[in-house]
Amino acid sequence: CLPVYFLLVDPTNPTPIRAYNDYCIQPKDGKCSTSDGSWLIYKNQRGTGCEEDFKEFTLDKHGILRHHCSGKRVCPLNGDSSNNTPMVVSSKCTDEQSKFVRTAGKHITTVLFI
């Protein structure tokens, strides 16, 4: 499961989301045209810098987090707001489910978990 409260994201530009120890967040299928409902996973990218397009995300001015190249939103699986719920890339995410906030430490967390 994806503890999104430890992730870093640039506030305006498409950027990878890095976790720790060279791990990046990406859709499980590892493609730009990711399938609807694809889980987000940690993938060790030692030395690559997480630079592939399918690893980029945007956080818009309304706090909606999107997988950049597919344009699909990021939200908890089935809209479930309980802890340890996997995060997915999906065209079915609602605004409320896809809303994230930046913390003072430049991390992000979904507002459903606050």
C-alpha atoms as a PDB file:
ATOM      1  CA  CYS A   1       0.000   0.000   0.000  1.00  0.00           C
ATOM      2  CA  LEU A   2       1.111   3.517  -0.673  1.00  0.00           C
ATOM      3  CA  PRO A   3       1.644   5.848   2.313  1.00  0.00           C
ATOM      4  CA  VAL A   4       1.246   9.032   0.294  1.00  0.00           C
ATOM      5  CA  TYR A   5       2.110  11.272   3.202  1.00  0.00           C
ATOM      6  CA  PHE A   6       5.840  10.636   2.620  1.00  0.00           C
ATOM      7  CA  LEU A   7       5.955  11.707  -1.035  1.00  0.00           C
ATOM      8  CA  LEU A   8       7.485  14.784  -2.617  1.00  0.00           C
ATOM      9  CA  VAL A   9       5.929  16.574  -5.596  1.00  0.00           C
ATOM     10  CA  ASP A  10       6.632  19.835  -7.415  1.00  0.00           C
ATOM     11  CA  PRO A  11       3.712  22.266  -7.036  1.00  0.00           C
ATOM     12  CA  THR A  12       3.368  23.223 -10.724  1.00  0.00           C
ATOM     13  CA  ASN A  13       5.423  21.088 -13.122  1.00  0.00           C
ATOM     14  CA  PRO A  14       5.136  17.401 -14.058  1.00  0.00           C
ATOM     15  CA  THR A  15       7.525  15.630 -11.757  1.00  0.00           C
ATOM     16  CA  PRO A  16       8.250  12.171 -10.431  1.00  0.00           C
ATOM     17  CA  ILE A  17       7.153  11.368  -6.908  1.00  0.00           C
ATOM     18  CA  ARG A  18      10.085  10.077  -4.920  1.00  0.00           C
ATOM     19  CA  ALA A  19       9.830   8.152  -1.704  1.00  0.00           C
ATOM     20  CA  TYR A  20      13.156   7.100  -0.157  1.00  0.00           C
ATOM     21  CA  ASN A  21      16.315   5.132  -1.032  1.00  0.00           C
ATOM     22  CA  ASP A  22      15.953   5.625  -4.822  1.00  0.00           C
ATOM     23  CA  TYR A  23      12.329   4.476  -4.842  1.00  0.00           C
ATOM     24  CA  CYS A  24       9.850   6.189  -7.154  1.00  0.00           C
ATOM     25  CA  ILE A  25       6.085   5.906  -7.472  1.00  0.00           C
ATOM     26  CA  GLN A  26       4.715   4.589 -10.748  1.00  0.00           C
ATOM     27  CA  PRO A  27       1.665   2.807 -12.150  1.00  0.00           C
ATOM     28  CA  LYS A  28       2.058  -0.937 -11.701  1.00  0.00           C
ATOM     29  CA  ASP A  29       1.898  -1.580 -15.459  1.00  0.00           C
ATOM     30  CA  GLY A  30       4.721   0.930 -16.070  1.00  0.00           C
ATOM     31  CA  LYS A  31       3.169   2.685 -19.066  1.00  0.00           C
ATOM     32  CA  CYS A  32       2.088   6.194 -20.029  1.00  0.00           C
ATOM     33  CA  SER A  33      -1.235   4.874 -21.280  1.00  0.00           C
ATOM     34  CA  THR A  34      -1.763   3.064 -18.003  1.00  0.00           C
ATOM     35  CA  SER A  35      -4.879   0.968 -17.610  1.00  0.00           C
ATOM     36  CA  ASP A  36      -7.768   2.349 -15.600  1.00  0.00           C
ATOM     37  CA  GLY A  37      -7.451   1.333 -11.957  1.00  0.00           C
ATOM     38  CA  SER A  38      -3.718   0.579 -12.154  1.00  0.00           C
ATOM     39  CA  TRP A  39      -2.245   0.514  -8.638  1.00  0.00           C
ATOM     40  CA  LEU A  40       0.598   2.864  -7.783  1.00  0.00           C
ATOM     41  CA  ILE A  41       3.669   1.001  -6.592  1.00  0.00           C
ATOM     42  CA  TYR A  42       7.128   1.751  -5.242  1.00  0.00           C
ATOM     43  CA  LYS A  43       9.822   0.820  -7.747  1.00  0.00           C
ATOM     44  CA  ASN A  44      13.534   0.956  -6.970  1.00  0.00           C
ATOM     45  CA  GLN A  45      15.147   3.122  -9.643  1.00  0.00           C
ATOM     46  CA  ARG A  46      18.712   3.158  -8.443  1.00  0.00           C
ATOM     47  CA  GLY A  47      20.649   5.615 -10.597  1.00  0.00           C
ATOM     48  CA  THR A  48      17.816   6.505 -13.020  1.00  0.00           C
ATOM     49  CA  GLY A  49      16.419   9.528 -11.217  1.00  0.00           C
ATOM     50  CA  CYS A  50      12.854   8.426 -11.919  1.00  0.00           C
ATOM     51  CA  GLU A  51      12.949  10.240 -15.256  1.00  0.00           C
ATOM     52  CA  GLU A  52      10.629   8.146 -17.455  1.00  0.00           C
ATOM     53  CA  ASP A  53       7.432   9.960 -18.528  1.00  0.00           C
ATOM     54  CA  PHE A  54       5.117   7.386 -16.933  1.00  0.00           C
ATOM     55  CA  LYS A  55       6.565   8.297 -13.507  1.00  0.00           C
ATOM     56  CA  GLU A  56       5.497  11.965 -13.660  1.00  0.00           C
ATOM     57  CA  PHE A  57       2.572  13.518 -11.821  1.00  0.00           C
ATOM     58  CA  THR A  58       1.054  16.994 -11.560  1.00  0.00           C
ATOM     59  CA  LEU A  59      -0.692  18.656  -8.645  1.00  0.00           C
ATOM     60  CA  ASP A  60      -2.978  21.408  -9.928  1.00  0.00           C
ATOM     61  CA  LYS A  61      -4.008  24.610  -8.162  1.00  0.00           C
ATOM     62  CA  HIS A  62      -7.142  22.871  -6.830  1.00  0.00           C
ATOM     63  CA  GLY A  63      -5.081  20.067  -5.270  1.00  0.00           C
ATOM     64  CA  ILE A  64      -6.037  17.406  -7.835  1.00  0.00           C
ATOM     65  CA  LEU A  65      -3.192  14.919  -8.341  1.00  0.00           C
ATOM     66  CA  ARG A  66      -2.924  13.477 -11.862  1.00  0.00           C
ATOM     67  CA  HIS A  67      -0.747  10.943 -13.608  1.00  0.00           C
ATOM     68  CA  HIS A  68       0.739  13.369 -16.123  1.00  0.00           C
ATOM     69  CA  CYS A  69       0.951  11.439 -19.393  1.00  0.00           C
ATOM     70  CA  SER A  70      -2.368   9.570 -19.086  1.00  0.00           C
ATOM     71  CA  GLY A  71      -4.208  12.555 -17.584  1.00  0.00           C
ATOM     72  CA  LYS A  72      -5.954  10.204 -15.141  1.00  0.00           C
ATOM     73  CA  ARG A  73      -6.420  11.154 -11.523  1.00  0.00           C
ATOM     74  CA  VAL A  74      -4.861   9.523  -8.486  1.00  0.00           C
ATOM     75  CA  CYS A  75      -7.175   8.357  -5.704  1.00  0.00           C
ATOM     76  CA  PRO A  76      -7.623   5.576  -3.135  1.00  0.00           C
ATOM     77  CA  LEU A  77      -8.906   2.278  -4.548  1.00  0.00           C
ATOM     78  CA  ASN A  78     -12.727   2.385  -4.674  1.00  0.00           C
ATOM     79  CA  GLY A  79     -12.644   5.761  -2.901  1.00  0.00           C
ATOM     80  CA  ASP A  80     -11.867   4.022   0.401  1.00  0.00           C
ATOM     81  CA  SER A  81     -10.558   6.529   2.936  1.00  0.00           C
ATOM     82  CA  SER A  82      -9.164   4.034   5.447  1.00  0.00           C
ATOM     83  CA  ASN A  83      -5.438   3.722   6.089  1.00  0.00           C
ATOM     84  CA  ASN A  84      -3.464   1.195   4.020  1.00  0.00           C
ATOM     85  CA  THR A  85      -5.771   1.555   1.029  1.00  0.00           C
ATOM     86  CA  PRO A  86      -3.840   1.254  -2.259  1.00  0.00           C
ATOM     87  CA  MET A  87      -3.708   4.344  -4.459  1.00  0.00           C
ATOM     88  CA  VAL A  88      -4.715   3.964  -8.102  1.00  0.00           C
ATOM     89  CA  VAL A  89      -4.630   5.882 -11.378  1.00  0.00           C
ATOM     90  CA  SER A  90      -8.190   6.059 -12.683  1.00  0.00           C
ATOM     91  CA  SER A  91     -10.574   8.075 -14.833  1.00  0.00           C
ATOM     92  CA  LYS A  92     -13.273   7.256 -12.252  1.00  0.00           C
ATOM     93  CA  CYS A  93     -11.732   9.229  -9.357  1.00  0.00           C
ATOM     94  CA  THR A  94     -13.908  12.100  -8.177  1.00  0.00           C
ATOM     95  CA  ASP A  95     -12.580  15.564  -7.342  1.00  0.00           C
ATOM     96  CA  GLU A  96     -12.938  14.849  -3.627  1.00  0.00           C
ATOM     97  CA  GLN A  97     -11.100  11.509  -3.845  1.00  0.00           C
ATOM     98  CA  SER A  98      -8.255  13.017  -5.917  1.00  0.00           C
ATOM     99  CA  LYS A  99      -7.638  16.046  -3.732  1.00  0.00           C
ATOM    100  CA  PHE A 100      -4.247  16.294  -2.056  1.00  0.00           C
ATOM    101  CA  VAL A 101      -2.604  18.974   0.057  1.00  0.00           C
ATOM    102  CA  ARG A 102       1.027  19.947   0.440  1.00  0.00           C
ATOM    103  CA  THR A 103       2.412  19.854   3.941  1.00  0.00           C
ATOM    104  CA  ALA A 104       4.934  22.276   5.406  1.00  0.00           C
ATOM    105  CA  GLY A 105       7.670  19.704   4.680  1.00  0.00           C
ATOM    106  CA  LYS A 106       6.776  19.694   0.932  1.00  0.00           C
ATOM    107  CA  HIS A 107       5.151  16.276   1.208  1.00  0.00           C
ATOM    108  CA  ILE A 108       1.639  15.518   0.017  1.00  0.00           C
ATOM    109  CA  THR A 109      -1.256  13.667   1.553  1.00  0.00           C
ATOM    110  CA  THR A 110      -4.769  12.972   0.366  1.00  0.00           C
ATOM    111  CA  VAL A 111      -7.359  15.034   2.185  1.00  0.00           C
ATOM    112  CA  LEU A 112      -9.365  11.832   2.772  1.00  0.00           C
ATOM    113  CA  PHE A 113      -6.733  10.735   5.306  1.00  0.00           C
ATOM    114  CA  ILE A 114      -6.643  14.000   7.260  1.00  0.00           C
END
